[in-house]
Amino acid sequence: MASKKVLILPIVVSIIIHALMLSAAGLVGMNTDDRLNDKAIIVDLQKKEDPKPSKVEDEKTDNSSPPVNPVEAAYDEIFTEDTISLESSDERYAPYLRKVKIKIEKSWIYPRQAFEQKKEGISMVRFSLSKNGKLLRNMIVNSSGYDPLDRQALNAVRAAAPYEPFPNDINLSRLHILASFHYHILE
C-alpha cells in the first residue's frame, strides 16, 4: 500500500504542474470562458508574413504592435519546422545533414531484383525528424517508377533511424528532409 502512495504523489504533482504551465501559456483556461474553441483546431505550418500596413485616411500609420495571441505564440514556439534538401550546403544544417547522409548510406543498397533486371531510376523521399532525432515519417514524393527501388529508399531511411538529436544551433521542433536516391548501373 505504501508503494502505491509513493507512485501516486509524483503523478498528482506532475498533473498540477502541467496544468499550471498550460494555464500560464494560455493553452488551458482555468475558468469557463472557453477561449480556445475556435483556435484549438487551427494548423498553420507556413511562416506568417508581416501584414502590410494599411493606409489610414489621413496617411498616418499606427505604430503600436497588434495584441499577441497566446495560442499562436505558443504554437510558433513549440512547432517550428523547416524543409531542406539532404544535399543542402546551408551553414546551419550542413554538418548535421552530413551525419544523416552517412547513416543512410550505410543501410542503402541496390535491390537485387532491380539490379538483375537492370532497373534504374531516382526515388525522392521526404522524411521528418523530431528535435531528438526520432524518425516521425517518411514517404516517396517522386517515384523511380519501380517499386523495389522506392521501397529500398524508404527502408534505408528507416534502418538509419534513430538519428542524432539536432545540435543547439538548429532551433526547430521538426526538420523535413528531401533526399534523392539515384539508382544507376555502371557498365
N, C-alpha and C. Protein backbone atom coordinates (compact mmCIF):
# COMPACT_ATOMS: atom_id res chain seq x y z
N MET A 1 0.83 -1.19 0.00
CA MET A 1 0.00 0.00 0.00
C MET A 1 0.87 1.25 0.00
N ALA A 2 1.98 1.21 0.71
CA ALA A 2 2.86 2.37 0.78
C ALA A 2 3.48 2.66 -0.58
N SER A 3 3.76 1.61 -1.37
CA SER A 3 4.36 1.83 -2.69
C SER A 3 3.39 2.53 -3.63
N LYS A 4 2.09 2.27 -3.48
CA LYS A 4 1.09 2.96 -4.32
C LYS A 4 1.06 4.45 -3.99
N LYS A 5 1.16 4.78 -2.71
CA LYS A 5 1.18 6.19 -2.32
C LYS A 5 2.41 6.89 -2.87
N VAL A 6 3.53 6.19 -2.89
CA VAL A 6 4.77 6.75 -3.40
C VAL A 6 4.63 7.06 -4.89
N LEU A 7 3.91 6.22 -5.63
CA LEU A 7 3.72 6.44 -7.06
C LEU A 7 2.66 7.49 -7.34
N ILE A 8 1.63 7.57 -6.55
CA ILE A 8 0.51 8.48 -6.80
C ILE A 8 0.94 9.93 -6.57
N LEU A 9 1.71 10.19 -5.53
CA LEU A 9 2.10 11.56 -5.22
C LEU A 9 2.84 12.25 -6.37
N PRO A 10 3.86 11.64 -6.98
CA PRO A 10 4.53 12.31 -8.11
C PRO A 10 3.60 12.53 -9.30
N ILE A 11 2.69 11.61 -9.53
CA ILE A 11 1.74 11.76 -10.64
C ILE A 11 0.82 12.95 -10.40
N VAL A 12 0.30 13.07 -9.21
CA VAL A 12 -0.59 14.19 -8.88
C VAL A 12 0.16 15.51 -8.99
N VAL A 13 1.38 15.55 -8.45
CA VAL A 13 2.19 16.77 -8.52
C VAL A 13 2.48 17.12 -9.99
N SER A 14 2.79 16.14 -10.81
CA SER A 14 3.06 16.37 -12.23
C SER A 14 1.84 16.93 -12.95
N ILE A 15 0.68 16.38 -12.67
CA ILE A 15 -0.55 16.87 -13.30
C ILE A 15 -0.81 18.33 -12.92
N ILE A 16 -0.62 18.64 -11.66
CA ILE A 16 -0.85 20.03 -11.20
C ILE A 16 0.14 20.98 -11.86
N ILE A 17 1.40 20.59 -11.91
CA ILE A 17 2.42 21.45 -12.53
C ILE A 17 2.13 21.66 -14.01
N HIS A 18 1.77 20.58 -14.73
CA HIS A 18 1.47 20.71 -16.15
C HIS A 18 0.24 21.60 -16.37
N ALA A 19 -0.78 21.45 -15.55
CA ALA A 19 -1.97 22.29 -15.68
C ALA A 19 -1.63 23.76 -15.47
N LEU A 20 -0.77 24.04 -14.48
CA LEU A 20 -0.37 25.42 -14.23
C LEU A 20 0.45 25.98 -15.39
N MET A 21 1.36 25.16 -15.95
CA MET A 21 2.17 25.62 -17.07
C MET A 21 1.30 25.90 -18.29
N LEU A 22 0.37 25.00 -18.59
CA LEU A 22 -0.51 25.20 -19.73
C LEU A 22 -1.41 26.41 -19.52
N SER A 23 -1.84 26.60 -18.30
CA SER A 23 -2.67 27.76 -18.00
C SER A 23 -1.89 29.04 -18.19
N ALA A 24 -0.64 29.05 -17.73
CA ALA A 24 0.20 30.25 -17.87
C ALA A 24 0.47 30.56 -19.34
N ALA A 25 0.59 29.52 -20.16
CA ALA A 25 0.83 29.72 -21.59
C ALA A 25 -0.44 30.07 -22.34
N GLY A 26 -1.57 30.02 -21.65
CA GLY A 26 -2.84 30.36 -22.29
C GLY A 26 -3.43 29.20 -23.08
N LEU A 27 -2.87 27.99 -22.92
CA LEU A 27 -3.37 26.85 -23.68
C LEU A 27 -4.55 26.16 -23.02
N VAL A 28 -4.66 26.30 -21.71
CA VAL A 28 -5.78 25.71 -20.99
C VAL A 28 -6.38 26.78 -20.11
N GLY A 29 -7.66 27.00 -20.26
CA GLY A 29 -8.31 28.01 -19.43
C GLY A 29 -8.63 27.44 -18.06
N MET A 30 -8.34 28.21 -17.02
CA MET A 30 -8.66 27.75 -15.68
C MET A 30 -10.06 28.21 -15.28
N ASN A 31 -10.72 28.94 -16.19
CA ASN A 31 -12.09 29.33 -15.92
C ASN A 31 -12.95 28.81 -17.07
N THR A 32 -14.18 29.22 -17.14
CA THR A 32 -15.09 28.64 -18.11
C THR A 32 -15.30 29.52 -19.33
N ASP A 33 -14.38 30.45 -19.62
CA ASP A 33 -14.60 31.32 -20.76
C ASP A 33 -14.32 30.63 -22.10
N ASP A 34 -13.79 29.42 -22.08
CA ASP A 34 -13.61 28.59 -23.27
C ASP A 34 -12.91 29.33 -24.40
N ARG A 35 -11.75 29.90 -24.10
CA ARG A 35 -11.01 30.73 -25.04
C ARG A 35 -10.54 30.00 -26.28
N LEU A 36 -10.35 28.71 -26.23
CA LEU A 36 -9.69 28.02 -27.33
C LEU A 36 -10.62 27.34 -28.32
N ASN A 37 -11.91 27.40 -28.14
CA ASN A 37 -12.80 26.67 -29.03
C ASN A 37 -12.51 26.94 -30.50
N ASP A 38 -12.32 28.17 -30.90
CA ASP A 38 -12.09 28.49 -32.29
C ASP A 38 -10.65 28.26 -32.72
N LYS A 39 -9.71 28.29 -31.81
CA LYS A 39 -8.29 28.23 -32.14
C LYS A 39 -7.70 26.82 -32.01
N ALA A 40 -8.35 25.93 -31.32
CA ALA A 40 -7.74 24.65 -30.98
C ALA A 40 -7.50 23.76 -32.20
N ILE A 41 -8.24 23.94 -33.28
CA ILE A 41 -8.05 23.06 -34.42
C ILE A 41 -7.32 23.73 -35.58
N ILE A 42 -6.83 24.94 -35.38
CA ILE A 42 -6.11 25.64 -36.44
C ILE A 42 -4.71 25.06 -36.56
N VAL A 43 -4.34 24.67 -37.77
CA VAL A 43 -2.99 24.18 -38.04
C VAL A 43 -2.46 24.98 -39.21
N ASP A 44 -1.41 25.74 -38.96
CA ASP A 44 -0.80 26.57 -39.99
C ASP A 44 0.69 26.35 -39.94
N LEU A 45 1.22 25.56 -40.88
CA LEU A 45 2.63 25.21 -40.85
C LEU A 45 3.49 26.15 -41.67
N GLN A 46 2.89 27.14 -42.30
CA GLN A 46 3.66 28.10 -43.06
C GLN A 46 4.01 29.28 -42.20
N LYS A 47 5.17 29.86 -42.47
CA LYS A 47 5.55 31.04 -41.73
C LYS A 47 4.64 32.18 -42.16
N LYS A 48 4.22 32.95 -41.19
CA LYS A 48 3.34 34.07 -41.48
C LYS A 48 4.18 35.26 -41.90
N GLU A 49 3.70 35.96 -42.91
CA GLU A 49 4.36 37.18 -43.32
C GLU A 49 3.80 38.32 -42.51
N ASP A 50 4.62 39.35 -42.32
CA ASP A 50 4.13 40.52 -41.61
C ASP A 50 3.03 41.15 -42.45
N PRO A 51 1.92 41.51 -41.81
CA PRO A 51 0.85 42.12 -42.58
C PRO A 51 1.31 43.48 -43.12
N LYS A 52 0.84 43.79 -44.32
CA LYS A 52 1.20 45.08 -44.91
C LYS A 52 0.46 46.17 -44.15
N PRO A 53 1.16 47.28 -43.90
CA PRO A 53 0.48 48.36 -43.18
C PRO A 53 -0.68 48.90 -44.01
N SER A 54 -1.79 49.11 -43.36
CA SER A 54 -2.95 49.63 -44.07
C SER A 54 -2.93 51.14 -44.01
N LYS A 55 -3.42 51.74 -45.07
CA LYS A 55 -3.44 53.19 -45.13
C LYS A 55 -4.62 53.70 -44.31
N VAL A 56 -4.35 54.71 -43.53
CA VAL A 56 -5.39 55.39 -42.79
C VAL A 56 -5.74 56.62 -43.61
N GLU A 57 -6.96 57.10 -43.52
CA GLU A 57 -7.41 58.18 -44.38
C GLU A 57 -6.50 59.39 -44.36
N ASP A 58 -5.94 59.72 -43.20
CA ASP A 58 -5.09 60.91 -43.13
C ASP A 58 -3.61 60.56 -43.30
N GLU A 59 -3.31 59.36 -43.87
CA GLU A 59 -1.96 58.90 -44.16
C GLU A 59 -1.10 58.66 -42.92
N LYS A 60 -1.69 58.59 -41.74
CA LYS A 60 -0.94 58.27 -40.53
C LYS A 60 -0.99 56.76 -40.34
N THR A 61 0.09 56.19 -39.83
CA THR A 61 0.10 54.75 -39.55
C THR A 61 0.16 54.54 -38.06
N ASP A 62 -0.43 53.45 -37.64
CA ASP A 62 -0.44 53.09 -36.24
C ASP A 62 0.82 52.30 -35.94
N ASN A 63 1.69 52.80 -35.09
CA ASN A 63 2.95 52.13 -34.78
C ASN A 63 2.84 51.14 -33.64
N SER A 64 1.68 51.00 -33.06
CA SER A 64 1.53 50.04 -31.96
C SER A 64 1.45 48.63 -32.53
N SER A 65 2.01 47.69 -31.82
CA SER A 65 2.00 46.32 -32.30
C SER A 65 0.66 45.68 -31.97
N PRO A 66 0.23 44.72 -32.82
CA PRO A 66 -1.05 44.06 -32.56
C PRO A 66 -0.95 43.21 -31.30
N PRO A 67 -2.07 42.94 -30.67
CA PRO A 67 -2.02 42.11 -29.46
C PRO A 67 -1.54 40.70 -29.80
N VAL A 68 -0.78 40.11 -28.91
CA VAL A 68 -0.23 38.77 -29.12
C VAL A 68 -1.25 37.74 -28.67
N ASN A 69 -1.57 36.84 -29.58
CA ASN A 69 -2.47 35.74 -29.26
C ASN A 69 -1.63 34.66 -28.58
N PRO A 70 -1.90 34.33 -27.32
CA PRO A 70 -1.05 33.36 -26.61
C PRO A 70 -1.04 31.98 -27.25
N VAL A 71 -2.14 31.57 -27.88
CA VAL A 71 -2.18 30.25 -28.51
C VAL A 71 -1.24 30.23 -29.72
N GLU A 72 -1.31 31.28 -30.56
CA GLU A 72 -0.43 31.34 -31.72
C GLU A 72 1.03 31.47 -31.30
N ALA A 73 1.30 32.26 -30.28
CA ALA A 73 2.68 32.43 -29.82
C ALA A 73 3.23 31.10 -29.30
N ALA A 74 2.45 30.37 -28.53
CA ALA A 74 2.89 29.08 -28.01
C ALA A 74 3.07 28.09 -29.14
N TYR A 75 2.16 28.10 -30.14
CA TYR A 75 2.27 27.20 -31.28
C TYR A 75 3.55 27.47 -32.06
N ASP A 76 3.82 28.77 -32.35
CA ASP A 76 5.02 29.12 -33.10
C ASP A 76 6.28 28.72 -32.35
N GLU A 77 6.25 28.82 -31.02
CA GLU A 77 7.41 28.46 -30.22
C GLU A 77 7.60 26.95 -30.16
N ILE A 78 6.52 26.20 -30.08
CA ILE A 78 6.60 24.75 -29.93
C ILE A 78 6.84 24.05 -31.26
N PHE A 79 6.15 24.45 -32.32
CA PHE A 79 6.19 23.74 -33.59
C PHE A 79 6.91 24.55 -34.66
N THR A 80 8.20 24.67 -34.54
CA THR A 80 8.99 25.32 -35.56
C THR A 80 9.55 24.25 -36.47
N GLU A 81 9.42 24.45 -37.77
CA GLU A 81 9.80 23.44 -38.74
C GLU A 81 10.55 24.08 -39.89
N ASP A 82 11.26 23.23 -40.63
CA ASP A 82 11.88 23.67 -41.86
C ASP A 82 12.01 22.45 -42.76
N THR A 83 12.03 22.69 -44.07
CA THR A 83 12.22 21.63 -45.05
C THR A 83 13.47 21.98 -45.85
N ILE A 84 14.33 20.98 -46.01
CA ILE A 84 15.61 21.24 -46.66
C ILE A 84 16.07 19.98 -47.40
N SER A 85 16.87 20.17 -48.42
CA SER A 85 17.43 19.05 -49.17
C SER A 85 18.58 18.43 -48.38
N LEU A 86 18.71 17.13 -48.49
CA LEU A 86 19.81 16.43 -47.82
C LEU A 86 21.16 16.91 -48.37
N GLU A 87 21.16 17.44 -49.57
CA GLU A 87 22.39 17.92 -50.21
C GLU A 87 22.65 19.40 -49.94
N SER A 88 21.87 20.04 -49.10
CA SER A 88 21.99 21.47 -48.86
C SER A 88 23.37 21.84 -48.30
N SER A 89 23.84 23.00 -48.71
CA SER A 89 25.10 23.50 -48.17
C SER A 89 24.85 24.65 -47.19
N ASP A 90 23.61 24.83 -46.79
CA ASP A 90 23.25 25.85 -45.81
C ASP A 90 24.08 25.62 -44.54
N GLU A 91 24.80 26.64 -44.11
CA GLU A 91 25.72 26.51 -42.97
C GLU A 91 25.03 26.04 -41.69
N ARG A 92 23.75 26.39 -41.53
CA ARG A 92 23.04 25.98 -40.30
C ARG A 92 22.83 24.48 -40.27
N TYR A 93 22.63 23.86 -41.44
CA TYR A 93 22.24 22.46 -41.48
C TYR A 93 23.31 21.50 -42.00
N ALA A 94 24.25 21.98 -42.79
CA ALA A 94 25.20 21.11 -43.49
C ALA A 94 25.92 20.10 -42.59
N PRO A 95 26.47 20.49 -41.44
CA PRO A 95 27.15 19.49 -40.61
C PRO A 95 26.20 18.38 -40.14
N TYR A 96 24.99 18.76 -39.77
CA TYR A 96 24.02 17.77 -39.31
C TYR A 96 23.59 16.87 -40.48
N LEU A 97 23.34 17.47 -41.64
CA LEU A 97 22.90 16.70 -42.80
C LEU A 97 23.96 15.70 -43.26
N ARG A 98 25.25 16.06 -43.12
CA ARG A 98 26.32 15.12 -43.47
C ARG A 98 26.23 13.86 -42.61
N LYS A 99 25.97 14.03 -41.33
CA LYS A 99 25.84 12.88 -40.42
C LYS A 99 24.63 12.02 -40.79
N VAL A 100 23.53 12.68 -41.13
CA VAL A 100 22.32 11.95 -41.54
C VAL A 100 22.61 11.15 -42.81
N LYS A 101 23.25 11.78 -43.77
CA LYS A 101 23.55 11.13 -45.05
C LYS A 101 24.45 9.91 -44.85
N ILE A 102 25.46 10.04 -44.01
CA ILE A 102 26.38 8.92 -43.75
C ILE A 102 25.61 7.73 -43.17
N LYS A 103 24.71 8.00 -42.23
CA LYS A 103 23.92 6.91 -41.63
C LYS A 103 23.05 6.22 -42.68
N ILE A 104 22.44 7.01 -43.55
CA ILE A 104 21.56 6.43 -44.57
C ILE A 104 22.38 5.62 -45.57
N GLU A 105 23.52 6.14 -45.99
CA GLU A 105 24.35 5.44 -46.98
C GLU A 105 24.81 4.08 -46.47
N LYS A 106 24.98 3.94 -45.17
CA LYS A 106 25.40 2.65 -44.60
C LYS A 106 24.33 1.57 -44.76
N SER A 107 23.08 1.98 -44.85
CA SER A 107 21.99 0.98 -44.94
C SER A 107 21.35 0.93 -46.33
N TRP A 108 21.83 1.73 -47.26
CA TRP A 108 21.24 1.79 -48.59
C TRP A 108 21.93 0.82 -49.53
N ILE A 109 21.15 -0.04 -50.17
CA ILE A 109 21.69 -1.00 -51.13
C ILE A 109 20.85 -0.96 -52.41
N TYR A 110 21.42 -1.48 -53.45
CA TYR A 110 20.69 -1.62 -54.72
C TYR A 110 19.91 -2.93 -54.60
N PRO A 111 18.60 -2.90 -54.70
CA PRO A 111 17.83 -4.14 -54.56
C PRO A 111 18.26 -5.17 -55.62
N ARG A 112 18.48 -6.37 -55.18
CA ARG A 112 18.99 -7.43 -56.06
C ARG A 112 18.10 -7.62 -57.28
N GLN A 113 16.80 -7.70 -57.05
CA GLN A 113 15.85 -7.91 -58.14
C GLN A 113 15.96 -6.79 -59.17
N ALA A 114 16.06 -5.56 -58.72
CA ALA A 114 16.18 -4.42 -59.63
C ALA A 114 17.51 -4.47 -60.38
N PHE A 115 18.57 -4.84 -59.69
CA PHE A 115 19.89 -4.93 -60.32
C PHE A 115 19.89 -5.99 -61.41
N GLU A 116 19.33 -7.16 -61.09
CA GLU A 116 19.30 -8.26 -62.06
C GLU A 116 18.47 -7.90 -63.29
N GLN A 117 17.43 -7.09 -63.10
CA GLN A 117 16.57 -6.69 -64.22
C GLN A 117 17.05 -5.38 -64.86
N LYS A 118 18.19 -4.87 -64.37
CA LYS A 118 18.78 -3.62 -64.86
C LYS A 118 17.80 -2.45 -64.80
N LYS A 119 17.07 -2.39 -63.70
CA LYS A 119 16.13 -1.29 -63.47
C LYS A 119 16.89 -0.12 -62.86
N GLU A 120 16.65 1.07 -63.37
CA GLU A 120 17.29 2.28 -62.87
C GLU A 120 16.23 3.33 -62.60
N GLY A 121 16.59 4.33 -61.83
CA GLY A 121 15.66 5.41 -61.56
C GLY A 121 16.11 6.25 -60.38
N ILE A 122 15.32 7.27 -60.10
CA ILE A 122 15.60 8.15 -58.97
C ILE A 122 14.36 8.20 -58.09
N SER A 123 14.53 7.82 -56.83
CA SER A 123 13.45 7.90 -55.84
C SER A 123 13.69 9.13 -54.98
N MET A 124 12.67 9.94 -54.83
CA MET A 124 12.77 11.13 -53.97
C MET A 124 11.95 10.83 -52.71
N VAL A 125 12.63 10.89 -51.57
CA VAL A 125 11.99 10.60 -50.28
C VAL A 125 11.96 11.87 -49.45
N ARG A 126 10.84 12.07 -48.78
CA ARG A 126 10.73 13.16 -47.80
C ARG A 126 10.56 12.49 -46.45
N PHE A 127 11.46 12.81 -45.51
CA PHE A 127 11.33 12.24 -44.18
C PHE A 127 11.44 13.35 -43.14
N SER A 128 10.78 13.12 -42.02
CA SER A 128 10.69 14.12 -40.97
C SER A 128 11.33 13.60 -39.70
N LEU A 129 12.15 14.46 -39.10
CA LEU A 129 12.83 14.12 -37.84
C LEU A 129 12.38 15.07 -36.75
N SER A 130 12.25 14.54 -35.55
CA SER A 130 11.95 15.38 -34.39
C SER A 130 13.27 15.92 -33.85
N LYS A 131 13.17 16.86 -32.95
CA LYS A 131 14.35 17.51 -32.36
C LYS A 131 15.31 16.49 -31.75
N ASN A 132 14.77 15.39 -31.22
CA ASN A 132 15.63 14.39 -30.59
C ASN A 132 16.16 13.35 -31.58
N GLY A 133 15.90 13.53 -32.88
CA GLY A 133 16.42 12.63 -33.90
C GLY A 133 15.51 11.48 -34.26
N LYS A 134 14.34 11.45 -33.69
CA LYS A 134 13.40 10.36 -33.98
C LYS A 134 12.80 10.55 -35.37
N LEU A 135 12.72 9.45 -36.12
CA LEU A 135 12.08 9.47 -37.43
C LEU A 135 10.57 9.49 -37.22
N LEU A 136 9.92 10.56 -37.66
CA LEU A 136 8.49 10.71 -37.47
C LEU A 136 7.70 10.10 -38.62
N ARG A 137 8.20 10.28 -39.84
CA ARG A 137 7.53 9.71 -41.02
C ARG A 137 8.47 9.79 -42.19
N ASN A 138 8.24 8.93 -43.16
CA ASN A 138 8.95 9.03 -44.44
C ASN A 138 8.02 8.56 -45.54
N MET A 139 8.19 9.17 -46.70
CA MET A 139 7.31 8.83 -47.81
C MET A 139 7.98 9.18 -49.13
N ILE A 140 7.54 8.50 -50.18
CA ILE A 140 8.03 8.78 -51.52
C ILE A 140 7.28 10.00 -52.05
N VAL A 141 8.01 11.00 -52.49
CA VAL A 141 7.36 12.17 -53.09
C VAL A 141 7.53 12.17 -54.60
N ASN A 142 8.50 11.39 -55.11
CA ASN A 142 8.68 11.25 -56.55
C ASN A 142 9.22 9.84 -56.78
N SER A 143 8.41 9.00 -57.41
CA SER A 143 8.77 7.61 -57.59
C SER A 143 9.79 7.41 -58.70
N SER A 144 10.59 6.37 -58.55
CA SER A 144 11.54 5.98 -59.58
C SER A 144 10.83 5.27 -60.73
N GLY A 145 9.60 4.86 -60.47
CA GLY A 145 8.85 4.10 -61.46
C GLY A 145 8.96 2.60 -61.26
N TYR A 146 9.75 2.21 -60.27
CA TYR A 146 9.93 0.79 -60.00
C TYR A 146 9.86 0.59 -58.48
N ASP A 147 8.85 -0.12 -58.04
CA ASP A 147 8.54 -0.24 -56.62
C ASP A 147 9.70 -0.73 -55.74
N PRO A 148 10.46 -1.75 -56.14
CA PRO A 148 11.56 -2.19 -55.27
C PRO A 148 12.60 -1.09 -55.01
N LEU A 149 12.84 -0.21 -55.98
CA LEU A 149 13.78 0.89 -55.76
C LEU A 149 13.22 1.87 -54.73
N ASP A 150 11.94 2.19 -54.87
CA ASP A 150 11.30 3.11 -53.93
C ASP A 150 11.28 2.52 -52.52
N ARG A 151 10.92 1.24 -52.43
CA ARG A 151 10.86 0.59 -51.10
C ARG A 151 12.23 0.58 -50.44
N GLN A 152 13.28 0.32 -51.21
CA GLN A 152 14.62 0.29 -50.63
C GLN A 152 15.05 1.67 -50.15
N ALA A 153 14.66 2.72 -50.85
CA ALA A 153 14.98 4.07 -50.40
C ALA A 153 14.31 4.33 -49.05
N LEU A 154 13.03 3.98 -48.94
CA LEU A 154 12.32 4.16 -47.67
C LEU A 154 12.94 3.31 -46.57
N ASN A 155 13.30 2.07 -46.91
CA ASN A 155 13.91 1.17 -45.92
C ASN A 155 15.25 1.70 -45.42
N ALA A 156 16.02 2.32 -46.31
CA ALA A 156 17.33 2.86 -45.91
C ALA A 156 17.15 3.99 -44.89
N VAL A 157 16.15 4.84 -45.12
CA VAL A 157 15.89 5.94 -44.17
C VAL A 157 15.44 5.37 -42.83
N ARG A 158 14.57 4.35 -42.85
CA ARG A 158 14.09 3.73 -41.61
C ARG A 158 15.21 3.01 -40.88
N ALA A 159 16.03 2.28 -41.61
CA ALA A 159 17.10 1.49 -40.99
C ALA A 159 18.14 2.38 -40.31
N ALA A 160 18.33 3.58 -40.83
CA ALA A 160 19.32 4.51 -40.26
C ALA A 160 18.82 5.17 -38.97
N ALA A 161 17.53 5.12 -38.74
CA ALA A 161 16.94 5.75 -37.54
C ALA A 161 17.26 4.94 -36.30
N PRO A 162 17.34 5.57 -35.15
CA PRO A 162 17.16 6.99 -34.89
C PRO A 162 18.41 7.77 -35.27
N TYR A 163 18.22 9.03 -35.58
CA TYR A 163 19.32 9.92 -35.94
C TYR A 163 19.76 10.69 -34.70
N GLU A 164 20.85 11.42 -34.85
CA GLU A 164 21.33 12.23 -33.72
C GLU A 164 20.34 13.36 -33.45
N PRO A 165 20.24 13.78 -32.20
CA PRO A 165 19.42 14.97 -31.90
C PRO A 165 19.96 16.19 -32.64
N PHE A 166 19.10 17.16 -32.88
CA PHE A 166 19.54 18.39 -33.54
C PHE A 166 20.57 19.09 -32.66
N PRO A 167 21.59 19.65 -33.27
CA PRO A 167 22.53 20.45 -32.48
C PRO A 167 21.83 21.71 -31.98
N ASN A 168 22.41 22.37 -31.01
CA ASN A 168 21.79 23.55 -30.40
C ASN A 168 21.52 24.67 -31.38
N ASP A 169 22.31 24.79 -32.44
CA ASP A 169 22.10 25.87 -33.40
C ASP A 169 20.95 25.60 -34.37
N ILE A 170 20.39 24.40 -34.36
CA ILE A 170 19.18 24.12 -35.14
C ILE A 170 18.03 24.16 -34.15
N ASN A 171 17.41 25.31 -34.06
CA ASN A 171 16.35 25.53 -33.07
C ASN A 171 14.98 25.25 -33.70
N LEU A 172 14.73 23.98 -34.00
CA LEU A 172 13.48 23.55 -34.62
C LEU A 172 12.89 22.40 -33.83
N SER A 173 11.58 22.22 -33.96
CA SER A 173 10.98 21.04 -33.36
C SER A 173 10.92 19.90 -34.37
N ARG A 174 10.90 20.24 -35.67
CA ARG A 174 10.89 19.23 -36.72
C ARG A 174 11.71 19.70 -37.90
N LEU A 175 12.37 18.75 -38.54
CA LEU A 175 13.11 19.04 -39.75
C LEU A 175 12.67 18.04 -40.80
N HIS A 176 12.19 18.56 -41.93
CA HIS A 176 11.75 17.72 -43.05
C HIS A 176 12.89 17.73 -44.06
N ILE A 177 13.31 16.55 -44.46
CA ILE A 177 14.47 16.43 -45.35
C ILE A 177 14.05 15.73 -46.64
N LEU A 178 14.46 16.32 -47.76
CA LEU A 178 14.23 15.72 -49.07
C LEU A 178 15.52 15.07 -49.53
N ALA A 179 15.44 13.77 -49.85
CA ALA A 179 16.63 13.03 -50.26
C ALA A 179 16.36 12.31 -51.57
N SER A 180 17.30 12.41 -52.49
CA SER A 180 17.22 11.71 -53.77
C SER A 180 18.08 10.46 -53.72
N PHE A 181 17.52 9.35 -54.14
CA PHE A 181 18.24 8.10 -54.20
C PHE A 181 18.38 7.73 -55.67
N HIS A 182 19.61 7.85 -56.20
CA HIS A 182 19.88 7.61 -57.61
C HIS A 182 20.33 6.16 -57.79
N TYR A 183 19.55 5.41 -58.54
CA TYR A 183 19.89 4.02 -58.85
C TYR A 183 20.36 3.98 -60.31
N HIS A 184 21.64 3.70 -60.49
CA HIS A 184 22.20 3.67 -61.84
C HIS A 184 23.24 2.54 -61.90
N ILE A 185 23.13 1.73 -62.92
CA ILE A 185 24.05 0.60 -63.09
C ILE A 185 25.15 1.03 -64.04
N LEU A 186 26.37 0.95 -63.55
CA LEU A 186 27.53 1.27 -64.40
C LEU A 186 27.94 0.03 -65.18
N GLU A 187 28.14 0.19 -66.45
CA GLU A 187 28.53 -0.98 -67.28
C GLU A 187 29.91 -0.81 -67.82
